[in-house]
PDBML (XML) file of the C-alpha atoms, coordinates in Angstrom:
<?xml version="1.0" encoding="UTF-8" ?>
<PDBx:datablock datablockName="MODEL"
   xmlns:PDBx="http://pdbml.pdb.org/schema/pdbx-v50.xsd"
   xmlns:xsi="http://www.w3.org/2001/XMLSchema-instance"
   xsi:schemaLocation="http://pdbml.pdb.org/schema/pdbx-v50.xsd pdbx-v50.xsd">
   <PDBx:atom_siteCategory>
      <PDBx:atom_site id="1">
         <PDBx:B_iso_or_equiv>0.00</PDBx:B_iso_or_equiv>
         <PDBx:Cartn_x>86.811</PDBx:Cartn_x>
         <PDBx:Cartn_y>113.013</PDBx:Cartn_y>
         <PDBx:Cartn_z>108.985</PDBx:Cartn_z>
         <PDBx:auth_asym_id>A</PDBx:auth_asym_id>
         <PDBx:auth_atom_id>CA</PDBx:auth_atom_id>
         <PDBx:auth_comp_id>UNK</PDBx:auth_comp_id>
         <PDBx:auth_seq_id>1</PDBx:auth_seq_id>
         <PDBx:group_PDB>ATOM</PDBx:group_PDB>
         <PDBx:label_alt_id xsi:nil="true" />
         <PDBx:label_asym_id>A</PDBx:label_asym_id>
         <PDBx:label_atom_id>CA</PDBx:label_atom_id>
         <PDBx:label_comp_id>UNK</PDBx:label_comp_id>
         <PDBx:label_entity_id>1</PDBx:label_entity_id>
         <PDBx:label_seq_id>1</PDBx:label_seq_id>
         <PDBx:occupancy>1.00</PDBx:occupancy>
         <PDBx:pdbx_PDB_model_num>1</PDBx:pdbx_PDB_model_num>
         <PDBx:type_symbol>C</PDBx:type_symbol>
      </PDBx:atom_site>
      <PDBx:atom_site id="2">
         <PDBx:B_iso_or_equiv>0.00</PDBx:B_iso_or_equiv>
         <PDBx:Cartn_x>84.893</PDBx:Cartn_x>
         <PDBx:Cartn_y>114.382</PDBx:Cartn_y>
         <PDBx:Cartn_z>111.971</PDBx:Cartn_z>
         <PDBx:auth_asym_id>A</PDBx:auth_asym_id>
         <PDBx:auth_atom_id>CA</PDBx:auth_atom_id>
         <PDBx:auth_comp_id>UNK</PDBx:auth_comp_id>
         <PDBx:auth_seq_id>2</PDBx:auth_seq_id>
         <PDBx:group_PDB>ATOM</PDBx:group_PDB>
         <PDBx:label_alt_id xsi:nil="true" />
         <PDBx:label_asym_id>A</PDBx:label_asym_id>
         <PDBx:label_atom_id>CA</PDBx:label_atom_id>
         <PDBx:label_comp_id>UNK</PDBx:label_comp_id>
         <PDBx:label_entity_id>1</PDBx:label_entity_id>
         <PDBx:label_seq_id>2</PDBx:label_seq_id>
         <PDBx:occupancy>1.00</PDBx:occupancy>
         <PDBx:pdbx_PDB_model_num>1</PDBx:pdbx_PDB_model_num>
         <PDBx:type_symbol>C</PDBx:type_symbol>
      </PDBx:atom_site>
      <PDBx:atom_site id="3">
         <PDBx:B_iso_or_equiv>0.00</PDBx:B_iso_or_equiv>
         <PDBx:Cartn_x>87.626</PDBx:Cartn_x>
         <PDBx:Cartn_y>116.872</PDBx:Cartn_y>
         <PDBx:Cartn_z>112.886</PDBx:Cartn_z>
         <PDBx:auth_asym_id>A</PDBx:auth_asym_id>
         <PDBx:auth_atom_id>CA</PDBx:auth_atom_id>
         <PDBx:auth_comp_id>UNK</PDBx:auth_comp_id>
         <PDBx:auth_seq_id>3</PDBx:auth_seq_id>
         <PDBx:group_PDB>ATOM</PDBx:group_PDB>
         <PDBx:label_alt_id xsi:nil="true" />
         <PDBx:label_asym_id>A</PDBx:label_asym_id>
         <PDBx:label_atom_id>CA</PDBx:label_atom_id>
         <PDBx:label_comp_id>UNK</PDBx:label_comp_id>
         <PDBx:label_entity_id>1</PDBx:label_entity_id>
         <PDBx:label_seq_id>3</PDBx:label_seq_id>
         <PDBx:occupancy>1.00</PDBx:occupancy>
         <PDBx:pdbx_PDB_model_num>1</PDBx:pdbx_PDB_model_num>
         <PDBx:type_symbol>C</PDBx:type_symbol>
      </PDBx:atom_site>
      <PDBx:atom_site id="4">
         <PDBx:B_iso_or_equiv>0.00</PDBx:B_iso_or_equiv>
         <PDBx:Cartn_x>88.683</PDBx:Cartn_x>
         <PDBx:Cartn_y>117.679</PDBx:Cartn_y>
         <PDBx:Cartn_z>109.324</PDBx:Cartn_z>
         <PDBx:auth_asym_id>A</PDBx:auth_asym_id>
         <PDBx:auth_atom_id>CA</PDBx:auth_atom_id>
         <PDBx:auth_comp_id>UNK</PDBx:auth_comp_id>
         <PDBx:auth_seq_id>4</PDBx:auth_seq_id>
         <PDBx:group_PDB>ATOM</PDBx:group_PDB>
         <PDBx:label_alt_id xsi:nil="true" />
         <PDBx:label_asym_id>A</PDBx:label_asym_id>
         <PDBx:label_atom_id>CA</PDBx:label_atom_id>
         <PDBx:label_comp_id>UNK</PDBx:label_comp_id>
         <PDBx:label_entity_id>1</PDBx:label_entity_id>
         <PDBx:label_seq_id>4</PDBx:label_seq_id>
         <PDBx:occupancy>1.00</PDBx:occupancy>
         <PDBx:pdbx_PDB_model_num>1</PDBx:pdbx_PDB_model_num>
         <PDBx:type_symbol>C</PDBx:type_symbol>
      </PDBx:atom_site>
      <PDBx:atom_site id="5">
         <PDBx:B_iso_or_equiv>0.00</PDBx:B_iso_or_equiv>
         <PDBx:Cartn_x>88.432</PDBx:Cartn_x>
         <PDBx:Cartn_y>121.428</PDBx:Cartn_y>
         <PDBx:Cartn_z>109.829</PDBx:Cartn_z>
         <PDBx:auth_asym_id>A</PDBx:auth_asym_id>
         <PDBx:auth_atom_id>CA</PDBx:auth_atom_id>
         <PDBx:auth_comp_id>UNK</PDBx:auth_comp_id>
         <PDBx:auth_seq_id>5</PDBx:auth_seq_id>
         <PDBx:group_PDB>ATOM</PDBx:group_PDB>
         <PDBx:label_alt_id xsi:nil="true" />
         <PDBx:label_asym_id>A</PDBx:label_asym_id>
         <PDBx:label_atom_id>CA</PDBx:label_atom_id>
         <PDBx:label_comp_id>UNK</PDBx:label_comp_id>
         <PDBx:label_entity_id>1</PDBx:label_entity_id>
         <PDBx:label_seq_id>5</PDBx:label_seq_id>
         <PDBx:occupancy>1.00</PDBx:occupancy>
         <PDBx:pdbx_PDB_model_num>1</PDBx:pdbx_PDB_model_num>
         <PDBx:type_symbol>C</PDBx:type_symbol>
      </PDBx:atom_site>
      <PDBx:atom_site id="6">
         <PDBx:B_iso_or_equiv>0.00</PDBx:B_iso_or_equiv>
         <PDBx:Cartn_x>90.677</PDBx:Cartn_x>
         <PDBx:Cartn_y>121.235</PDBx:Cartn_y>
         <PDBx:Cartn_z>112.924</PDBx:Cartn_z>
         <PDBx:auth_asym_id>A</PDBx:auth_asym_id>
         <PDBx:auth_atom_id>CA</PDBx:auth_atom_id>
         <PDBx:auth_comp_id>UNK</PDBx:auth_comp_id>
         <PDBx:auth_seq_id>6</PDBx:auth_seq_id>
         <PDBx:group_PDB>ATOM</PDBx:group_PDB>
         <PDBx:label_alt_id xsi:nil="true" />
         <PDBx:label_asym_id>A</PDBx:label_asym_id>
         <PDBx:label_atom_id>CA</PDBx:label_atom_id>
         <PDBx:label_comp_id>UNK</PDBx:label_comp_id>
         <PDBx:label_entity_id>1</PDBx:label_entity_id>
         <PDBx:label_seq_id>6</PDBx:label_seq_id>
         <PDBx:occupancy>1.00</PDBx:occupancy>
         <PDBx:pdbx_PDB_model_num>1</PDBx:pdbx_PDB_model_num>
         <PDBx:type_symbol>C</PDBx:type_symbol>
      </PDBx:atom_site>
      <PDBx:atom_site id="7">
         <PDBx:B_iso_or_equiv>0.00</PDBx:B_iso_or_equiv>
         <PDBx:Cartn_x>93.159</PDBx:Cartn_x>
         <PDBx:Cartn_y>118.774</PDBx:Cartn_y>
         <PDBx:Cartn_z>111.400</PDBx:Cartn_z>
         <PDBx:auth_asym_id>A</PDBx:auth_asym_id>
         <PDBx:auth_atom_id>CA</PDBx:auth_atom_id>
         <PDBx:auth_comp_id>UNK</PDBx:auth_comp_id>
         <PDBx:auth_seq_id>7</PDBx:auth_seq_id>
         <PDBx:group_PDB>ATOM</PDBx:group_PDB>
         <PDBx:label_alt_id xsi:nil="true" />
         <PDBx:label_asym_id>A</PDBx:label_asym_id>
         <PDBx:label_atom_id>CA</PDBx:label_atom_id>
         <PDBx:label_comp_id>UNK</PDBx:label_comp_id>
         <PDBx:label_entity_id>1</PDBx:label_entity_id>
         <PDBx:label_seq_id>7</PDBx:label_seq_id>
         <PDBx:occupancy>1.00</PDBx:occupancy>
         <PDBx:pdbx_PDB_model_num>1</PDBx:pdbx_PDB_model_num>
         <PDBx:type_symbol>C</PDBx:type_symbol>
      </PDBx:atom_site>
      <PDBx:atom_site id="8">
         <PDBx:B_iso_or_equiv>0.00</PDBx:B_iso_or_equiv>
         <PDBx:Cartn_x>96.307</PDBx:Cartn_x>
         <PDBx:Cartn_y>120.906</PDBx:Cartn_y>
         <PDBx:Cartn_z>111.015</PDBx:Cartn_z>
         <PDBx:auth_asym_id>A</PDBx:auth_asym_id>
         <PDBx:auth_atom_id>CA</PDBx:auth_atom_id>
         <PDBx:auth_comp_id>UNK</PDBx:auth_comp_id>
         <PDBx:auth_seq_id>8</PDBx:auth_seq_id>
         <PDBx:group_PDB>ATOM</PDBx:group_PDB>
         <PDBx:label_alt_id xsi:nil="true" />
         <PDBx:label_asym_id>A</PDBx:label_asym_id>
         <PDBx:label_atom_id>CA</PDBx:label_atom_id>
         <PDBx:label_comp_id>UNK</PDBx:label_comp_id>
         <PDBx:label_entity_id>1</PDBx:label_entity_id>
         <PDBx:label_seq_id>8</PDBx:label_seq_id>
         <PDBx:occupancy>1.00</PDBx:occupancy>
         <PDBx:pdbx_PDB_model_num>1</PDBx:pdbx_PDB_model_num>
         <PDBx:type_symbol>C</PDBx:type_symbol>
      </PDBx:atom_site>
      <PDBx:atom_site id="9">
         <PDBx:B_iso_or_equiv>0.00</PDBx:B_iso_or_equiv>
         <PDBx:Cartn_x>99.431</PDBx:Cartn_x>
         <PDBx:Cartn_y>118.842</PDBx:Cartn_y>
         <PDBx:Cartn_z>110.357</PDBx:Cartn_z>
         <PDBx:auth_asym_id>A</PDBx:auth_asym_id>
         <PDBx:auth_atom_id>CA</PDBx:auth_atom_id>
         <PDBx:auth_comp_id>UNK</PDBx:auth_comp_id>
         <PDBx:auth_seq_id>9</PDBx:auth_seq_id>
         <PDBx:group_PDB>ATOM</PDBx:group_PDB>
         <PDBx:label_alt_id xsi:nil="true" />
         <PDBx:label_asym_id>A</PDBx:label_asym_id>
         <PDBx:label_atom_id>CA</PDBx:label_atom_id>
         <PDBx:label_comp_id>UNK</PDBx:label_comp_id>
         <PDBx:label_entity_id>1</PDBx:label_entity_id>
         <PDBx:label_seq_id>9</PDBx:label_seq_id>
         <PDBx:occupancy>1.00</PDBx:occupancy>
         <PDBx:pdbx_PDB_model_num>1</PDBx:pdbx_PDB_model_num>
         <PDBx:type_symbol>C</PDBx:type_symbol>
      </PDBx:atom_site>
      <PDBx:atom_site id="10">
         <PDBx:B_iso_or_equiv>0.00</PDBx:B_iso_or_equiv>
         <PDBx:Cartn_x>101.431</PDBx:Cartn_x>
         <PDBx:Cartn_y>121.854</PDBx:Cartn_y>
         <PDBx:Cartn_z>109.127</PDBx:Cartn_z>
         <PDBx:auth_asym_id>A</PDBx:auth_asym_id>
         <PDBx:auth_atom_id>CA</PDBx:auth_atom_id>
         <PDBx:auth_comp_id>UNK</PDBx:auth_comp_id>
         <PDBx:auth_seq_id>10</PDBx:auth_seq_id>
         <PDBx:group_PDB>ATOM</PDBx:group_PDB>
         <PDBx:label_alt_id xsi:nil="true" />
         <PDBx:label_asym_id>A</PDBx:label_asym_id>
         <PDBx:label_atom_id>CA</PDBx:label_atom_id>
         <PDBx:label_comp_id>UNK</PDBx:label_comp_id>
         <PDBx:label_entity_id>1</PDBx:label_entity_id>
         <PDBx:label_seq_id>10</PDBx:label_seq_id>
         <PDBx:occupancy>1.00</PDBx:occupancy>
         <PDBx:pdbx_PDB_model_num>1</PDBx:pdbx_PDB_model_num>
         <PDBx:type_symbol>C</PDBx:type_symbol>
      </PDBx:atom_site>
      <PDBx:atom_site id="11">
         <PDBx:B_iso_or_equiv>0.00</PDBx:B_iso_or_equiv>
         <PDBx:Cartn_x>103.981</PDBx:Cartn_x>
         <PDBx:Cartn_y>121.658</PDBx:Cartn_y>
         <PDBx:Cartn_z>111.940</PDBx:Cartn_z>
         <PDBx:auth_asym_id>A</PDBx:auth_asym_id>
         <PDBx:auth_atom_id>CA</PDBx:auth_atom_id>
         <PDBx:auth_comp_id>UNK</PDBx:auth_comp_id>
         <PDBx:auth_seq_id>11</PDBx:auth_seq_id>
         <PDBx:group_PDB>ATOM</PDBx:group_PDB>
         <PDBx:label_alt_id xsi:nil="true" />
         <PDBx:label_asym_id>A</PDBx:label_asym_id>
         <PDBx:label_atom_id>CA</PDBx:label_atom_id>
         <PDBx:label_comp_id>UNK</PDBx:label_comp_id>
         <PDBx:label_entity_id>1</PDBx:label_entity_id>
         <PDBx:label_seq_id>11</PDBx:label_seq_id>
         <PDBx:occupancy>1.00</PDBx:occupancy>
         <PDBx:pdbx_PDB_model_num>1</PDBx:pdbx_PDB_model_num>
         <PDBx:type_symbol>C</PDBx:type_symbol>
      </PDBx:atom_site>
      <PDBx:atom_site id="12">
         <PDBx:B_iso_or_equiv>0.00</PDBx:B_iso_or_equiv>
         <PDBx:Cartn_x>104.841</PDBx:Cartn_x>
         <PDBx:Cartn_y>118.087</PDBx:Cartn_y>
         <PDBx:Cartn_z>110.957</PDBx:Cartn_z>
         <PDBx:auth_asym_id>A</PDBx:auth_asym_id>
         <PDBx:auth_atom_id>CA</PDBx:auth_atom_id>
         <PDBx:auth_comp_id>UNK</PDBx:auth_comp_id>
         <PDBx:auth_seq_id>12</PDBx:auth_seq_id>
         <PDBx:group_PDB>ATOM</PDBx:group_PDB>
         <PDBx:label_alt_id xsi:nil="true" />
         <PDBx:label_asym_id>A</PDBx:label_asym_id>
         <PDBx:label_atom_id>CA</PDBx:label_atom_id>
         <PDBx:label_comp_id>UNK</PDBx:label_comp_id>
         <PDBx:label_entity_id>1</PDBx:label_entity_id>
         <PDBx:label_seq_id>12</PDBx:label_seq_id>
         <PDBx:occupancy>1.00</PDBx:occupancy>
         <PDBx:pdbx_PDB_model_num>1</PDBx:pdbx_PDB_model_num>
         <PDBx:type_symbol>C</PDBx:type_symbol>
      </PDBx:atom_site>
      <PDBx:atom_site id="13">
         <PDBx:B_iso_or_equiv>0.00</PDBx:B_iso_or_equiv>
         <PDBx:Cartn_x>104.059</PDBx:Cartn_x>
         <PDBx:Cartn_y>115.754</PDBx:Cartn_y>
         <PDBx:Cartn_z>108.108</PDBx:Cartn_z>
         <PDBx:auth_asym_id>A</PDBx:auth_asym_id>
         <PDBx:auth_atom_id>CA</PDBx:auth_atom_id>
         <PDBx:auth_comp_id>UNK</PDBx:auth_comp_id>
         <PDBx:auth_seq_id>13</PDBx:auth_seq_id>
         <PDBx:group_PDB>ATOM</PDBx:group_PDB>
         <PDBx:label_alt_id xsi:nil="true" />
         <PDBx:label_asym_id>A</PDBx:label_asym_id>
         <PDBx:label_atom_id>CA</PDBx:label_atom_id>
         <PDBx:label_comp_id>UNK</PDBx:label_comp_id>
         <PDBx:label_entity_id>1</PDBx:label_entity_id>
         <PDBx:label_seq_id>13</PDBx:label_seq_id>
         <PDBx:occupancy>1.00</PDBx:occupancy>
         <PDBx:pdbx_PDB_model_num>1</PDBx:pdbx_PDB_model_num>
         <PDBx:type_symbol>C</PDBx:type_symbol>
      </PDBx:atom_site>
      <PDBx:atom_site id="14">
         <PDBx:B_iso_or_equiv>0.00</PDBx:B_iso_or_equiv>
         <PDBx:Cartn_x>100.627</PDBx:Cartn_x>
         <PDBx:Cartn_y>114.191</PDBx:Cartn_y>
         <PDBx:Cartn_z>107.723</PDBx:Cartn_z>
         <PDBx:auth_asym_id>A</PDBx:auth_asym_id>
         <PDBx:auth_atom_id>CA</PDBx:auth_atom_id>
         <PDBx:auth_comp_id>UNK</PDBx:auth_comp_id>
         <PDBx:auth_seq_id>14</PDBx:auth_seq_id>
         <PDBx:group_PDB>ATOM</PDBx:group_PDB>
         <PDBx:label_alt_id xsi:nil="true" />
         <PDBx:label_asym_id>A</PDBx:label_asym_id>
         <PDBx:label_atom_id>CA</PDBx:label_atom_id>
         <PDBx:label_comp_id>UNK</PDBx:label_comp_id>
         <PDBx:label_entity_id>1</PDBx:label_entity_id>
         <PDBx:label_seq_id>14</PDBx:label_seq_id>
         <PDBx:occupancy>1.00</PDBx:occupancy>
         <PDBx:pdbx_PDB_model_num>1</PDBx:pdbx_PDB_model_num>
         <PDBx:type_symbol>C</PDBx:type_symbol>
      </PDBx:atom_site>
      <PDBx:atom_site id="15">
         <PDBx:B_iso_or_equiv>0.00</PDBx:B_iso_or_equiv>
         <PDBx:Cartn_x>102.256</PDBx:Cartn_x>
         <PDBx:Cartn_y>110.791</PDBx:Cartn_y>
         <PDBx:Cartn_z>108.246</PDBx:Cartn_z>
         <PDBx:auth_asym_id>A</PDBx:auth_asym_id>
         <PDBx:auth_atom_id>CA</PDBx:auth_atom_id>
         <PDBx:auth_comp_id>UNK</PDBx:auth_comp_id>
         <PDBx:auth_seq_id>15</PDBx:auth_seq_id>
         <PDBx:group_PDB>ATOM</PDBx:group_PDB>
         <PDBx:label_alt_id xsi:nil="true" />
         <PDBx:label_asym_id>A</PDBx:label_asym_id>
         <PDBx:label_atom_id>CA</PDBx:label_atom_id>
         <PDBx:label_comp_id>UNK</PDBx:label_comp_id>
         <PDBx:label_entity_id>1</PDBx:label_entity_id>
         <PDBx:label_seq_id>15</PDBx:label_seq_id>
         <PDBx:occupancy>1.00</PDBx:occupancy>
         <PDBx:pdbx_PDB_model_num>1</PDBx:pdbx_PDB_model_num>
         <PDBx:type_symbol>C</PDBx:type_symbol>
      </PDBx:atom_site>
      <PDBx:atom_site id="16">
         <PDBx:B_iso_or_equiv>0.00</PDBx:B_iso_or_equiv>
         <PDBx:Cartn_x>103.725</PDBx:Cartn_x>
         <PDBx:Cartn_y>111.805</PDBx:Cartn_y>
         <PDBx:Cartn_z>111.610</PDBx:Cartn_z>
         <PDBx:auth_asym_id>A</PDBx:auth_asym_id>
         <PDBx:auth_atom_id>CA</PDBx:auth_atom_id>
         <PDBx:auth_comp_id>UNK</PDBx:auth_comp_id>
         <PDBx:auth_seq_id>16</PDBx:auth_seq_id>
         <PDBx:group_PDB>ATOM</PDBx:group_PDB>
         <PDBx:label_alt_id xsi:nil="true" />
         <PDBx:label_asym_id>A</PDBx:label_asym_id>
         <PDBx:label_atom_id>CA</PDBx:label_atom_id>
         <PDBx:label_comp_id>UNK</PDBx:label_comp_id>
         <PDBx:label_entity_id>1</PDBx:label_entity_id>
         <PDBx:label_seq_id>16</PDBx:label_seq_id>
         <PDBx:occupancy>1.00</PDBx:occupancy>
         <PDBx:pdbx_PDB_model_num>1</PDBx:pdbx_PDB_model_num>
         <PDBx:type_symbol>C</PDBx:type_symbol>
      </PDBx:atom_site>
      <PDBx:atom_site id="17">
         <PDBx:B_iso_or_equiv>0.00</PDBx:B_iso_or_equiv>
         <PDBx:Cartn_x>100.423</PDBx:Cartn_x>
         <PDBx:Cartn_y>113.378</PDBx:Cartn_y>
         <PDBx:Cartn_z>112.657</PDBx:Cartn_z>
         <PDBx:auth_asym_id>A</PDBx:auth_asym_id>
         <PDBx:auth_atom_id>CA</PDBx:auth_atom_id>
         <PDBx:auth_comp_id>UNK</PDBx:auth_comp_id>
         <PDBx:auth_seq_id>17</PDBx:auth_seq_id>
         <PDBx:group_PDB>ATOM</PDBx:group_PDB>
         <PDBx:label_alt_id xsi:nil="true" />
         <PDBx:label_asym_id>A</PDBx:label_asym_id>
         <PDBx:label_atom_id>CA</PDBx:label_atom_id>
         <PDBx:label_comp_id>UNK</PDBx:label_comp_id>
         <PDBx:label_entity_id>1</PDBx:label_entity_id>
         <PDBx:label_seq_id>17</PDBx:label_seq_id>
         <PDBx:occupancy>1.00</PDBx:occupancy>
         <PDBx:pdbx_PDB_model_num>1</PDBx:pdbx_PDB_model_num>
         <PDBx:type_symbol>C</PDBx:type_symbol>
      </PDBx:atom_site>
      <PDBx:atom_site id="18">
         <PDBx:B_iso_or_equiv>0.00</PDBx:B_iso_or_equiv>
         <PDBx:Cartn_x>98.560</PDBx:Cartn_x>
         <PDBx:Cartn_y>110.150</PDBx:Cartn_y>
         <PDBx:Cartn_z>111.836</PDBx:Cartn_z>
         <PDBx:auth_asym_id>A</PDBx:auth_asym_id>
         <PDBx:auth_atom_id>CA</PDBx:auth_atom_id>
         <PDBx:auth_comp_id>UNK</PDBx:auth_comp_id>
         <PDBx:auth_seq_id>18</PDBx:auth_seq_id>
         <PDBx:group_PDB>ATOM</PDBx:group_PDB>
         <PDBx:label_alt_id xsi:nil="true" />
         <PDBx:label_asym_id>A</PDBx:label_asym_id>
         <PDBx:label_atom_id>CA</PDBx:label_atom_id>
         <PDBx:label_comp_id>UNK</PDBx:label_comp_id>
         <PDBx:label_entity_id>1</PDBx:label_entity_id>
         <PDBx:label_seq_id>18</PDBx:label_seq_id>
         <PDBx:occupancy>1.00</PDBx:occupancy>
         <PDBx:pdbx_PDB_model_num>1</PDBx:pdbx_PDB_model_num>
         <PDBx:type_symbol>C</PDBx:type_symbol>
      </PDBx:atom_site>
      <PDBx:atom_site id="19">
         <PDBx:B_iso_or_equiv>0.00</PDBx:B_iso_or_equiv>
         <PDBx:Cartn_x>101.120</PDBx:Cartn_x>
         <PDBx:Cartn_y>108.035</PDBx:Cartn_y>
         <PDBx:Cartn_z>113.712</PDBx:Cartn_z>
         <PDBx:auth_asym_id>A</PDBx:auth_asym_id>
         <PDBx:auth_atom_id>CA</PDBx:auth_atom_id>
         <PDBx:auth_comp_id>UNK</PDBx:auth_comp_id>
         <PDBx:auth_seq_id>19</PDBx:auth_seq_id>
         <PDBx:group_PDB>ATOM</PDBx:group_PDB>
         <PDBx:label_alt_id xsi:nil="true" />
         <PDBx:label_asym_id>A</PDBx:label_asym_id>
         <PDBx:label_atom_id>CA</PDBx:label_atom_id>
         <PDBx:label_comp_id>UNK</PDBx:label_comp_id>
         <PDBx:label_entity_id>1</PDBx:label_entity_id>
         <PDBx:label_seq_id>19</PDBx:label_seq_id>
         <PDBx:occupancy>1.00</PDBx:occupancy>
         <PDBx:pdbx_PDB_model_num>1</PDBx:pdbx_PDB_model_num>
         <PDBx:type_symbol>C</PDBx:type_symbol>
      </PDBx:atom_site>
      <PDBx:atom_site id="20">
         <PDBx:B_iso_or_equiv>0.00</PDBx:B_iso_or_equiv>
         <PDBx:Cartn_x>100.977</PDBx:Cartn_x>
         <PDBx:Cartn_y>110.242</PDBx:Cartn_y>
         <PDBx:Cartn_z>116.813</PDBx:Cartn_z>
         <PDBx:auth_asym_id>A</PDBx:auth_asym_id>
         <PDBx:auth_atom_id>CA</PDBx:auth_atom_id>
         <PDBx:auth_comp_id>UNK</PDBx:auth_comp_id>
         <PDBx:auth_seq_id>20</PDBx:auth_seq_id>
         <PDBx:group_PDB>ATOM</PDBx:group_PDB>
         <PDBx:label_alt_id xsi:nil="true" />
         <PDBx:label_asym_id>A</PDBx:label_asym_id>
         <PDBx:label_atom_id>CA</PDBx:label_atom_id>
         <PDBx:label_comp_id>UNK</PDBx:label_comp_id>
         <PDBx:label_entity_id>1</PDBx:label_entity_id>
         <PDBx:label_seq_id>20</PDBx:label_seq_id>
         <PDBx:occupancy>1.00</PDBx:occupancy>
         <PDBx:pdbx_PDB_model_num>1</PDBx:pdbx_PDB_model_num>
         <PDBx:type_symbol>C</PDBx:type_symbol>
      </PDBx:atom_site>
      <PDBx:atom_site id="21">
         <PDBx:B_iso_or_equiv>0.00</PDBx:B_iso_or_equiv>
         <PDBx:Cartn_x>97.183</PDBx:Cartn_x>
         <PDBx:Cartn_y>110.260</PDBx:Cartn_y>
         <PDBx:Cartn_z>116.729</PDBx:Cartn_z>
         <PDBx:auth_asym_id>A</PDBx:auth_asym_id>
         <PDBx:auth_atom_id>CA</PDBx:auth_atom_id>
         <PDBx:auth_comp_id>UNK</PDBx:auth_comp_id>
         <PDBx:auth_seq_id>21</PDBx:auth_seq_id>
         <PDBx:group_PDB>ATOM</PDBx:group_PDB>
         <PDBx:label_alt_id xsi:nil="true" />
         <PDBx:label_asym_id>A</PDBx:label_asym_id>
         <PDBx:label_atom_id>CA</PDBx:label_atom_id>
         <PDBx:label_comp_id>UNK</PDBx:label_comp_id>
         <PDBx:label_entity_id>1</PDBx:label_entity_id>
         <PDBx:label_seq_id>21</PDBx:label_seq_id>
         <PDBx:occupancy>1.00</PDBx:occupancy>
         <PDBx:pdbx_PDB_model_num>1</PDBx:pdbx_PDB_model_num>
         <PDBx:type_symbol>C</PDBx:type_symbol>
      </PDBx:atom_site>
      <PDBx:atom_site id="22">
         <PDBx:B_iso_or_equiv>0.00</PDBx:B_iso_or_equiv>
         <PDBx:Cartn_x>97.149</PDBx:Cartn_x>
         <PDBx:Cartn_y>106.471</PDBx:Cartn_y>
         <PDBx:Cartn_z>116.428</PDBx:Cartn_z>
         <PDBx:auth_asym_id>A</PDBx:auth_asym_id>
         <PDBx:auth_atom_id>CA</PDBx:auth_atom_id>
         <PDBx:auth_comp_id>UNK</PDBx:auth_comp_id>
         <PDBx:auth_seq_id>22</PDBx:auth_seq_id>
         <PDBx:group_PDB>ATOM</PDBx:group_PDB>
         <PDBx:label_alt_id xsi:nil="true" />
         <PDBx:label_asym_id>A</PDBx:label_asym_id>
         <PDBx:label_atom_id>CA</PDBx:label_atom_id>
         <PDBx:label_comp_id>UNK</PDBx:label_comp_id>
         <PDBx:label_entity_id>1</PDBx:label_entity_id>
         <PDBx:label_seq_id>22</PDBx:label_seq_id>
         <PDBx:occupancy>1.00</PDBx:occupancy>
         <PDBx:pdbx_PDB_model_num>1</PDBx:pdbx_PDB_model_num>
         <PDBx:type_symbol>C</PDBx:type_symbol>
      </PDBx:atom_site>
      <PDBx:atom_site id="23">
         <PDBx:B_iso_or_equiv>0.00</PDBx:B_iso_or_equiv>
         <PDBx:Cartn_x>99.503</PDBx:Cartn_x>
         <PDBx:Cartn_y>106.183</PDBx:Cartn_y>
         <PDBx:Cartn_z>119.415</PDBx:Cartn_z>
         <PDBx:auth_asym_id>A</PDBx:auth_asym_id>
         <PDBx:auth_atom_id>CA</PDBx:auth_atom_id>
         <PDBx:auth_comp_id>UNK</PDBx:auth_comp_id>
         <PDBx:auth_seq_id>23</PDBx:auth_seq_id>
         <PDBx:group_PDB>ATOM</PDBx:group_PDB>
         <PDBx:label_alt_id xsi:nil="true" />
         <PDBx:label_asym_id>A</PDBx:label_asym_id>
         <PDBx:label_atom_id>CA</PDBx:label_atom_id>
         <PDBx:label_comp_id>UNK</PDBx:label_comp_id>
         <PDBx:label_entity_id>1</PDBx:label_entity_id>
         <PDBx:label_seq_id>23</PDBx:label_seq_id>
         <PDBx:occupancy>1.00</PDBx:occupancy>
         <PDBx:pdbx_PDB_model_num>1</PDBx:pdbx_PDB_model_num>
         <PDBx:type_symbol>C</PDBx:type_symbol>
      </PDBx:atom_site>
      <PDBx:atom_site id="24">
         <PDBx:B_iso_or_equiv>0.00</PDBx:B_iso_or_equiv>
         <PDBx:Cartn_x>97.101</PDBx:Cartn_x>
         <PDBx:Cartn_y>108.326</PDBx:Cartn_y>
         <PDBx:Cartn_z>121.441</PDBx:Cartn_z>
         <PDBx:auth_asym_id>A</PDBx:auth_asym_id>
         <PDBx:auth_atom_id>CA</PDBx:auth_atom_id>
         <PDBx:auth_comp_id>UNK</PDBx:auth_comp_id>
         <PDBx:auth_seq_id>24</PDBx:auth_seq_id>
         <PDBx:group_PDB>ATOM</PDBx:group_PDB>
         <PDBx:label_alt_id xsi:nil="true" />
         <PDBx:label_asym_id>A</PDBx:label_asym_id>
         <PDBx:label_atom_id>CA</PDBx:label_atom_id>
         <PDBx:label_comp_id>UNK</PDBx:label_comp_id>
         <PDBx:label_entity_id>1</PDBx:label_entity_id>
         <PDBx:label_seq_id>24</PDBx:label_seq_id>
         <PDBx:occupancy>1.00</PDBx:occupancy>
         <PDBx:pdbx_PDB_model_num>1</PDBx:pdbx_PDB_model_num>
         <PDBx:type_symbol>C</PDBx:type_symbol>
      </PDBx:atom_site>
   </PDBx:atom_siteCategory>
</PDBx:datablock>
């Protein structure tokens, strides 16, 4: 939500982006 304008999962799926972010 806070970074919604920067959230750019175009290089991978939204699901993968969420999983990688959660790992971090």
